């Protein structure tokens, strides 16, 4: 993924990063569905403080689940293993 992002896909990657750092305050206020956040407590891409700040701004926020010892991608892998068994994936 990193090789694709940083080599031939660099313009698309930069575009995604620029969108990521925009002010999303107005859009967050429009979310009207229940939201739970699953967060690795060792995530350095989207640190736990960022998840907590996001949670405070979501009208439908329900719960922040902290995953001890996990980082960004290991938290994703944990979630997928627990809630999306491989036999359900394409």
PDB file of N, CA and C in Angstrom:
ATOM      1  N   UNK A   1       0.820  -1.186   0.000  1.00  0.00           N
ATOM      2  CA  UNK A   1       0.000   0.000   0.000  1.00  0.00           C
ATOM      3  C   UNK A   1       0.867   1.254   0.000  1.00  0.00           C
ATOM      4  N   UNK A   2       1.887   1.268   0.866  1.00  0.00           N
ATOM      5  CA  UNK A   2       2.739   2.455   0.913  1.00  0.00           C
ATOM      6  C   UNK A   2       3.482   2.661  -0.392  1.00  0.00           C
ATOM      7  N   UNK A   3       3.976   1.573  -1.004  1.00  0.00           N
ATOM      8  CA  UNK A   3       4.683   1.702  -2.277  1.00  0.00           C
ATOM      9  C   UNK A   3       3.751   2.294  -3.329  1.00  0.00           C
ATOM     10  N   UNK A   4       2.505   1.808  -3.403  1.00  0.00           N
ATOM     11  CA  UNK A   4       1.552   2.348  -4.373  1.00  0.00           C
ATOM     12  C   UNK A   4       1.243   3.817  -4.084  1.00  0.00           C
ATOM     13  N   UNK A   5       1.102   4.146  -2.818  1.00  0.00           N
ATOM     14  CA  UNK A   5       0.756   5.518  -2.440  1.00  0.00           C
ATOM     15  C   UNK A   5       1.879   6.498  -2.716  1.00  0.00           C
ATOM     16  N   UNK A   6       3.086   6.077  -2.445  1.00  0.00           N
ATOM     17  CA  UNK A   6       4.203   7.009  -2.526  1.00  0.00           C
ATOM     18  C   UNK A   6       4.923   6.992  -3.866  1.00  0.00           C
ATOM     19  N   UNK A   7       4.642   6.018  -4.719  1.00  0.00           N
ATOM     20  CA  UNK A   7       5.290   5.979  -6.030  1.00  0.00           C
ATOM     21  C   UNK A   7       4.325   6.506  -7.079  1.00  0.00           C
ATOM     22  N   UNK A   8       3.701   5.610  -7.833  1.00  0.00           N
ATOM     23  CA  UNK A   8       2.820   6.026  -8.926  1.00  0.00           C
ATOM     24  C   UNK A   8       1.556   6.727  -8.469  1.00  0.00           C
ATOM     25  N   UNK A   9       1.113   6.478  -7.252  1.00  0.00           N
ATOM     26  CA  UNK A   9      -0.133   7.069  -6.777  1.00  0.00           C
ATOM     27  C   UNK A   9       0.053   8.303  -5.924  1.00  0.00           C
ATOM     28  N   UNK A  10       1.212   8.922  -5.972  1.00  0.00           N
ATOM     29  CA  UNK A  10       1.495  10.062  -5.099  1.00  0.00           C
ATOM     30  C   UNK A  10       0.483  11.206  -5.231  1.00  0.00           C
ATOM     31  N   UNK A  11       0.054  11.609  -6.447  1.00  0.00           N
ATOM     32  CA  UNK A  11      -0.933  12.698  -6.528  1.00  0.00           C
ATOM     33  C   UNK A  11      -2.255  12.343  -5.827  1.00  0.00           C
ATOM     34  N   UNK A  12      -2.712  11.112  -6.014  1.00  0.00           N
ATOM     35  CA  UNK A  12      -3.957  10.692  -5.353  1.00  0.00           C
ATOM     36  C   UNK A  12      -3.772  10.650  -3.840  1.00  0.00           C
ATOM     37  N   UNK A  13      -2.619  10.178  -3.393  1.00  0.00           N
ATOM     38  CA  UNK A  13      -2.335  10.110  -1.960  1.00  0.00           C
ATOM     39  C   UNK A  13      -2.318  11.516  -1.354  1.00  0.00           C
ATOM     40  N   UNK A  14      -1.654  12.456  -2.031  1.00  0.00           N
ATOM     41  CA  UNK A  14      -1.628  13.844  -1.545  1.00  0.00           C
ATOM     42  C   UNK A  14      -3.035  14.420  -1.487  1.00  0.00           C
ATOM     43  N   UNK A  15      -3.851  14.111  -2.474  1.00  0.00           N
ATOM     44  CA  UNK A  15      -5.227  14.590  -2.488  1.00  0.00           C
ATOM     45  C   UNK A  15      -6.009  14.052  -1.285  1.00  0.00           C
ATOM     46  N   UNK A  16      -5.815  12.774  -0.975  1.00  0.00           N
ATOM     47  CA  UNK A  16      -6.489  12.170   0.182  1.00  0.00           C
ATOM     48  C   UNK A  16      -6.032  12.817   1.490  1.00  0.00           C
ATOM     49  N   UNK A  17      -4.747  13.063   1.617  1.00  0.00           N
ATOM     50  CA  UNK A  17      -4.221  13.695   2.829  1.00  0.00           C
ATOM     51  C   UNK A  17      -4.778  15.105   2.980  1.00  0.00           C
ATOM     52  N   UNK A  18      -4.832  15.867   1.893  1.00  0.00           N
ATOM     53  CA  UNK A  18      -5.394  17.217   1.959  1.00  0.00           C
ATOM     54  C   UNK A  18      -6.861  17.193   2.382  1.00  0.00           C
ATOM     55  N   UNK A  19      -7.622  16.224   1.893  1.00  0.00           N
ATOM     56  CA  UNK A  19      -9.027  16.092   2.313  1.00  0.00           C
ATOM     57  C   UNK A  19      -9.114  15.713   3.793  1.00  0.00           C
ATOM     58  N   UNK A  20      -8.215  14.859   4.235  1.00  0.00           N
ATOM     59  CA  UNK A  20      -8.200  14.371   5.614  1.00  0.00           C
ATOM     60  C   UNK A  20      -8.008  15.506   6.616  1.00  0.00           C
ATOM     61  N   UNK A  21      -7.202  16.490   6.266  1.00  0.00           N
ATOM     62  CA  UNK A  21      -6.880  17.553   7.219  1.00  0.00           C
ATOM     63  C   UNK A  21      -7.786  18.777   7.095  1.00  0.00           C
ATOM     64  N   UNK A  22      -8.818  18.696   6.293  1.00  0.00           N
ATOM     65  CA  UNK A  22      -9.765  19.807   6.165  1.00  0.00           C
ATOM     66  C   UNK A  22     -10.626  19.931   7.426  1.00  0.00           C
ATOM     67  N   UNK A  23     -11.313  21.042   7.549  1.00  0.00           N
ATOM     68  CA  UNK A  23     -12.241  21.262   8.654  1.00  0.00           C
ATOM     69  C   UNK A  23     -13.553  20.546   8.338  1.00  0.00           C
ATOM     70  N   UNK A  24     -13.866  19.516   9.109  1.00  0.00           N
ATOM     71  CA  UNK A  24     -15.062  18.699   8.881  1.00  0.00           C
ATOM     72  C   UNK A  24     -16.165  19.001   9.895  1.00  0.00           C
ATOM     73  N   UNK A  25     -16.027  20.076  10.658  1.00  0.00           N
ATOM     74  CA  UNK A  25     -16.969  20.372  11.747  1.00  0.00           C
ATOM     75  C   UNK A  25     -18.427  20.383  11.283  1.00  0.00           C
ATOM     76  N   UNK A  26     -18.738  21.071  10.194  1.00  0.00           N
ATOM     77  CA  UNK A  26     -20.141  21.151   9.735  1.00  0.00           C
ATOM     78  C   UNK A  26     -20.666  19.788   9.295  1.00  0.00           C
ATOM     79  N   UNK A  27     -19.833  19.013   8.600  1.00  0.00           N
ATOM     80  CA  UNK A  27     -20.262  17.696   8.140  1.00  0.00           C
ATOM     81  C   UNK A  27     -20.505  16.744   9.309  1.00  0.00           C
ATOM     82  N   UNK A  28     -19.674  16.836  10.338  1.00  0.00           N
ATOM     83  CA  UNK A  28     -19.844  15.965  11.505  1.00  0.00           C
ATOM     84  C   UNK A  28     -21.195  16.200  12.165  1.00  0.00           C
ATOM     85  N   UNK A  29     -21.618  17.447  12.206  1.00  0.00           N
ATOM     86  CA  UNK A  29     -22.904  17.782  12.843  1.00  0.00           C
ATOM     87  C   UNK A  29     -24.088  17.183  12.087  1.00  0.00           C
ATOM     88  N   UNK A  30     -23.899  16.803  10.833  1.00  0.00           N
ATOM     89  CA  UNK A  30     -24.983  16.242  10.019  1.00  0.00           C
ATOM     90  C   UNK A  30     -25.121  14.733  10.142  1.00  0.00           C
ATOM     91  N   UNK A  31     -24.185  14.087  10.808  1.00  0.00           N
ATOM     92  CA  UNK A  31     -24.230  12.627  10.944  1.00  0.00           C
ATOM     93  C   UNK A  31     -25.298  12.271  11.965  1.00  0.00           C
ATOM     94  N   UNK A  32     -26.305  11.545  11.521  1.00  0.00           N
ATOM     95  CA  UNK A  32     -27.435  11.242  12.413  1.00  0.00           C
ATOM     96  C   UNK A  32     -27.630   9.743  12.622  1.00  0.00           C
ATOM     97  N   UNK A  33     -26.561   9.004  12.542  1.00  0.00           N
ATOM     98  CA  UNK A  33     -26.620   7.565  12.777  1.00  0.00           C
ATOM     99  C   UNK A  33     -25.737   7.232  13.979  1.00  0.00           C
ATOM    100  N   UNK A  34     -26.033   6.162  14.696  1.00  0.00           N
ATOM    101  CA  UNK A  34     -25.175   5.797  15.828  1.00  0.00           C
ATOM    102  C   UNK A  34     -23.746   5.494  15.358  1.00  0.00           C
ATOM    103  N   UNK A  35     -22.768   5.942  16.131  1.00  0.00           N
ATOM    104  CA  UNK A  35     -21.359   5.761  15.773  1.00  0.00           C
ATOM    105  C   UNK A  35     -20.599   5.203  16.967  1.00  0.00           C
ATOM    106  N   UNK A  36     -19.832   4.152  16.711  1.00  0.00           N
ATOM    107  CA  UNK A  36     -18.872   3.630  17.685  1.00  0.00           C
ATOM    108  C   UNK A  36     -17.496   3.717  17.045  1.00  0.00           C
ATOM    109  N   UNK A  37     -16.487   4.027  17.845  1.00  0.00           N
ATOM    110  CA  UNK A  37     -15.119   4.123  17.357  1.00  0.00           C
ATOM    111  C   UNK A  37     -14.300   3.020  18.023  1.00  0.00           C
ATOM    112  N   UNK A  38     -13.571   2.281  17.197  1.00  0.00           N
ATOM    113  CA  UNK A  38     -12.660   1.247  17.680  1.00  0.00           C
ATOM    114  C   UNK A  38     -11.252   1.791  17.461  1.00  0.00           C
ATOM    115  N   UNK A  39     -10.504   1.990  18.545  1.00  0.00           N
ATOM    116  CA  UNK A  39      -9.243   2.722  18.509  1.00  0.00           C
ATOM    117  C   UNK A  39      -8.126   1.951  19.187  1.00  0.00           C
ATOM    118  N   UNK A  40      -7.023   1.736  18.459  1.00  0.00           N
ATOM    119  CA  UNK A  40      -5.835   1.181  19.094  1.00  0.00           C
ATOM    120  C   UNK A  40      -5.212   2.221  20.000  1.00  0.00           C
ATOM    121  N   UNK A  41      -4.900   1.853  21.234  1.00  0.00           N
ATOM    122  CA  UNK A  41      -4.367   2.868  22.153  1.00  0.00           C
ATOM    123  C   UNK A  41      -2.898   3.210  21.872  1.00  0.00           C
ATOM    124  N   UNK A  42      -2.276   2.532  20.901  1.00  0.00           N
ATOM    125  CA  UNK A  42      -0.906   2.855  20.474  1.00  0.00           C
ATOM    126  C   UNK A  42      -0.886   3.402  19.044  1.00  0.00           C
ATOM    127  N   UNK A  43      -2.027   3.864  18.564  1.00  0.00           N
ATOM    128  CA  UNK A  43      -2.132   4.381  17.196  1.00  0.00           C
ATOM    129  C   UNK A  43      -1.401   5.717  17.100  1.00  0.00           C
ATOM    130  N   UNK A  44      -0.439   5.804  16.187  1.00  0.00           N
ATOM    131  CA  UNK A  44       0.260   7.077  16.003  1.00  0.00           C
ATOM    132  C   UNK A  44      -0.126   7.751  14.682  1.00  0.00           C
ATOM    133  N   UNK A  45      -1.019   7.146  13.909  1.00  0.00           N
ATOM    134  CA  UNK A  45      -1.552   7.778  12.694  1.00  0.00           C
ATOM    135  C   UNK A  45      -2.786   8.604  13.051  1.00  0.00           C
ATOM    136  N   UNK A  46      -3.649   8.041  13.860  1.00  0.00           N
ATOM    137  CA  UNK A  46      -4.838   8.726  14.376  1.00  0.00           C
ATOM    138  C   UNK A  46      -4.820   8.488  15.886  1.00  0.00           C
ATOM    139  N   UNK A  47      -4.068   9.299  16.624  1.00  0.00           N
ATOM    140  CA  UNK A  47      -3.870   9.075  18.057  1.00  0.00           C
ATOM    141  C   UNK A  47      -5.183   9.035  18.841  1.00  0.00           C
ATOM    142  N   UNK A  48      -5.172   8.337  19.984  1.00  0.00           N
ATOM    143  CA  UNK A  48      -6.372   8.245  20.810  1.00  0.00           C
ATOM    144  C   UNK A  48      -6.999   9.605  21.122  1.00  0.00           C
ATOM    145  N   UNK A  49      -6.200  10.638  21.318  1.00  0.00           N
ATOM    146  CA  UNK A  49      -6.759  11.967  21.595  1.00  0.00           C
ATOM    147  C   UNK A  49      -7.581  12.469  20.410  1.00  0.00           C
ATOM    148  N   UNK A  50      -7.181  12.093  19.199  1.00  0.00           N
ATOM    149  CA  UNK A  50      -7.932  12.484  18.015  1.00  0.00           C
ATOM    150  C   UNK A  50      -9.294  11.771  17.992  1.00  0.00           C
ATOM    151  N   UNK A  51      -9.295  10.505  18.346  1.00  0.00           N
ATOM    152  CA  UNK A  51     -10.553   9.759  18.393  1.00  0.00           C
ATOM    153  C   UNK A  51     -11.484  10.327  19.456  1.00  0.00           C
ATOM    154  N   UNK A  52     -10.931  10.699  20.606  1.00  0.00           N
ATOM    155  CA  UNK A  52     -11.747  11.286  21.680  1.00  0.00           C
ATOM    156  C   UNK A  52     -12.338  12.622  21.244  1.00  0.00           C
ATOM    157  N   UNK A  53     -11.542  13.444  20.544  1.00  0.00           N
ATOM    158  CA  UNK A  53     -12.033  14.734  20.059  1.00  0.00           C
ATOM    159  C   UNK A  53     -13.124  14.532  19.017  1.00  0.00           C
ATOM    160  N   UNK A  54     -12.937  13.560  18.134  1.00  0.00           N
ATOM    161  CA  UNK A  54     -13.955  13.247  17.136  1.00  0.00           C
ATOM    162  C   UNK A  54     -15.242  12.794  17.812  1.00  0.00           C
ATOM    163  N   UNK A  55     -15.128  11.936  18.796  1.00  0.00           N
ATOM    164  CA  UNK A  55     -16.302  11.423  19.507  1.00  0.00           C
ATOM    165  C   UNK A  55     -17.146  12.557  20.100  1.00  0.00           C
ATOM    166  N   UNK A  56     -16.500  13.572  20.626  1.00  0.00           N
ATOM    167  CA  UNK A  56     -17.216  14.702  21.232  1.00  0.00           C
ATOM    168  C   UNK A  56     -18.020  15.494  20.207  1.00  0.00           C
ATOM    169  N   UNK A  57     -17.643  15.398  18.936  1.00  0.00           N
ATOM    170  CA  UNK A  57     -18.298  16.195  17.894  1.00  0.00           C
ATOM    171  C   UNK A  57     -19.354  15.422  17.099  1.00  0.00           C
ATOM    172  N   UNK A  58     -19.486  14.139  17.368  1.00  0.00           N
ATOM    173  CA  UNK A  58     -20.465  13.332  16.638  1.00  0.00           C
ATOM    174  C   UNK A  58     -21.787  13.278  17.398  1.00  0.00           C
ATOM    175  N   UNK A  59     -22.869  13.780  16.809  1.00  0.00           N
ATOM    176  CA  UNK A  59     -24.156  13.788  17.502  1.00  0.00           C
ATOM    177  C   UNK A  59     -24.644  12.394  17.889  1.00  0.00           C
ATOM    178  N   UNK A  60     -24.340  11.397  17.073  1.00  0.00           N
ATOM    179  CA  UNK A  60     -24.815  10.035  17.344  1.00  0.00           C
ATOM    180  C   UNK A  60     -23.784   9.152  18.006  1.00  0.00           C
ATOM    181  N   UNK A  61     -22.783   9.762  18.634  1.00  0.00           N
ATOM    182  CA  UNK A  61     -21.719   8.963  19.239  1.00  0.00           C
ATOM    183  C   UNK A  61     -22.266   8.053  20.324  1.00  0.00           C
ATOM    184  N   UNK A  62     -21.828   6.784  20.292  1.00  0.00           N
ATOM    185  CA  UNK A  62     -22.258   5.822  21.306  1.00  0.00           C
ATOM    186  C   UNK A  62     -21.129   5.383  22.228  1.00  0.00           C
ATOM    187  N   UNK A  63     -20.013   4.893  21.647  1.00  0.00           N
ATOM    188  CA  UNK A  63     -18.957   4.360  22.504  1.00  0.00           C
ATOM    189  C   UNK A  63     -17.612   4.392  21.802  1.00  0.00           C
ATOM    190  N   UNK A  64     -16.568   4.669  22.596  1.00  0.00           N
ATOM    191  CA  UNK A  64     -15.189   4.596  22.135  1.00  0.00           C
ATOM    192  C   UNK A  64     -14.588   3.327  22.735  1.00  0.00           C
ATOM    193  N   UNK A  65     -14.225   2.394  21.871  1.00  0.00           N
ATOM    194  CA  UNK A  65     -13.636   1.125  22.295  1.00  0.00           C
ATOM    195  C   UNK A  65     -12.124   1.236  22.160  1.00  0.00           C
ATOM    196  N   UNK A  66     -11.404   1.165  23.266  1.00  0.00           N
ATOM    197  CA  UNK A  66      -9.947   1.234  23.255  1.00  0.00           C
ATOM    198  C   UNK A  66      -9.387  -0.175  23.158  1.00  0.00           C
ATOM    199  N   UNK A  67      -8.484  -0.381  22.203  1.00  0.00           N
ATOM    200  CA  UNK A  67      -7.875  -1.692  21.994  1.00  0.00           C
ATOM    201  C   UNK A  67      -6.421  -1.627  22.483  1.00  0.00           C
ATOM    202  N   UNK A  68      -6.152  -2.155  23.677  1.00  0.00           N
ATOM    203  CA  UNK A  68      -4.828  -2.043  24.293  1.00  0.00           C
ATOM    204  C   UNK A  68      -3.723  -2.669  23.443  1.00  0.00           C
ATOM    205  N   UNK A  69      -2.622  -1.907  23.314  1.00  0.00           N
ATOM    206  CA  UNK A  69      -1.434  -2.399  22.638  1.00  0.00           C
ATOM    207  C   UNK A  69      -1.495  -2.408  21.127  1.00  0.00           C
ATOM    208  N   UNK A  70      -2.610  -1.942  20.553  1.00  0.00           N
ATOM    209  CA  UNK A  70      -2.747  -1.994  19.101  1.00  0.00           C
ATOM    210  C   UNK A  70      -2.508  -0.631  18.472  1.00  0.00           C
ATOM    211  N   UNK A  71      -1.983  -0.676  17.257  1.00  0.00           N
ATOM    212  CA  UNK A  71      -1.726   0.550  16.502  1.00  0.00           C
ATOM    213  C   UNK A  71      -2.806   0.697  15.433  1.00  0.00           C
ATOM    214  N   UNK A  72      -2.541   1.509  14.427  1.00  0.00           N
ATOM    215  CA  UNK A  72      -3.543   1.816  13.404  1.00  0.00           C
ATOM    216  C   UNK A  72      -3.997   0.557  12.661  1.00  0.00           C
ATOM    217  N   UNK A  73      -3.066  -0.112  12.020  1.00  0.00           N
ATOM    218  CA  UNK A  73      -3.440  -1.271  11.210  1.00  0.00           C
ATOM    219  C   UNK A  73      -3.683  -2.523  12.038  1.00  0.00           C
ATOM    220  N   UNK A  74      -3.022  -2.668  13.180  1.00  0.00           N
ATOM    221  CA  UNK A  74      -3.297  -3.842  14.003  1.00  0.00           C
ATOM    222  C   UNK A  74      -4.694  -3.745  14.618  1.00  0.00           C
ATOM    223  N   UNK A  75      -5.179  -2.533  14.886  1.00  0.00           N
ATOM    224  CA  UNK A  75      -6.559  -2.364  15.367  1.00  0.00           C
ATOM    225  C   UNK A  75      -7.546  -2.737  14.264  1.00  0.00           C
ATOM    226  N   UNK A  76      -7.246  -2.333  13.034  1.00  0.00           N
ATOM    227  CA  UNK A  76      -8.098  -2.719  11.908  1.00  0.00           C
ATOM    228  C   UNK A  76      -8.126  -4.235  11.749  1.00  0.00           C
ATOM    229  N   UNK A  77      -6.958  -4.874  11.815  1.00  0.00           N
ATOM    230  CA  UNK A  77      -6.890  -6.334  11.691  1.00  0.00           C
ATOM    231  C   UNK A  77      -7.679  -7.000  12.818  1.00  0.00           C
ATOM    232  N   UNK A  78      -7.552  -6.493  14.037  1.00  0.00           N
ATOM    233  CA  UNK A  78      -8.298  -7.049  15.175  1.00  0.00           C
ATOM    234  C   UNK A  78      -9.797  -6.960  14.909  1.00  0.00           C
ATOM    235  N   UNK A  79     -10.243  -5.779  14.491  1.00  0.00           N
ATOM    236  CA  UNK A  79     -11.671  -5.574  14.229  1.00  0.00           C
ATOM    237  C   UNK A  79     -12.163  -6.530  13.146  1.00  0.00           C
ATOM    238  N   UNK A  80     -11.432  -6.610  12.052  1.00  0.00           N
ATOM    239  CA  UNK A  80     -11.852  -7.489  10.958  1.00  0.00           C
ATOM    240  C   UNK A  80     -11.911  -8.945  11.398  1.00  0.00           C
ATOM    241  N   UNK A  81     -10.948  -9.378  12.195  1.00  0.00           N
ATOM    242  CA  UNK A  81     -10.945 -10.766  12.682  1.00  0.00           C
ATOM    243  C   UNK A  81     -12.108 -11.065  13.616  1.00  0.00           C
ATOM    244  N   UNK A  82     -12.555 -10.063  14.355  1.00  0.00           N
ATOM    245  CA  UNK A  82     -13.642 -10.279  15.311  1.00  0.00           C
ATOM    246  C   UNK A  82     -15.038 -10.065  14.719  1.00  0.00           C
ATOM    247  N   UNK A  83     -15.162  -9.175  13.760  1.00  0.00           N
ATOM    248  CA  UNK A  83     -16.489  -8.813  13.266  1.00  0.00           C
ATOM    249  C   UNK A  83     -16.719  -9.101  11.804  1.00  0.00           C
ATOM    250  N   UNK A  84     -15.677  -9.475  11.082  1.00  0.00           N
ATOM    251  CA  UNK A  84     -15.830  -9.819   9.665  1.00  0.00           C
ATOM    252  C   UNK A  84     -14.998 -11.058   9.380  1.00  0.00           C
ATOM    253  N   UNK A  85     -15.492 -12.208   9.802  1.00  0.00           N
ATOM    254  CA  UNK A  85     -14.729 -13.433   9.556  1.00  0.00           C
ATOM    255  C   UNK A  85     -14.370 -13.577   8.083  1.00  0.00           C
ATOM    256  N   UNK A  86     -13.220 -14.166   7.807  1.00  0.00           N
ATOM    257  CA  UNK A  86     -12.711 -14.258   6.442  1.00  0.00           C
ATOM    258  C   UNK A  86     -13.666 -14.972   5.503  1.00  0.00           C
ATOM    259  N   UNK A  87     -14.530 -15.840   6.011  1.00  0.00           N
ATOM    260  CA  UNK A  87     -15.472 -16.528   5.133  1.00  0.00           C
ATOM    261  C   UNK A  87     -16.573 -15.581   4.633  1.00  0.00           C
ATOM    262  N   UNK A  88     -16.660 -14.358   5.218  1.00  0.00           N
ATOM    263  CA  UNK A  88     -17.631 -13.356   4.750  1.00  0.00           C
ATOM    264  C   UNK A  88     -17.023 -12.359   3.780  1.00  0.00           C
ATOM    265  N   UNK A  89     -15.698 -12.399   3.615  1.00  0.00           N
ATOM    266  CA  UNK A  89     -15.031 -11.458   2.729  1.00  0.00           C
ATOM    267  C   UNK A  89     -15.039 -11.982   1.300  1.00  0.00           C
ATOM    268  N   UNK A  90     -15.069 -11.055   0.321  1.00  0.00           N
ATOM    269  CA  UNK A  90     -15.053 -11.508  -1.088  1.00  0.00           C
ATOM    270  C   UNK A  90     -13.756 -12.191  -1.454  1.00  0.00           C
TER     271      UNK A  90
END
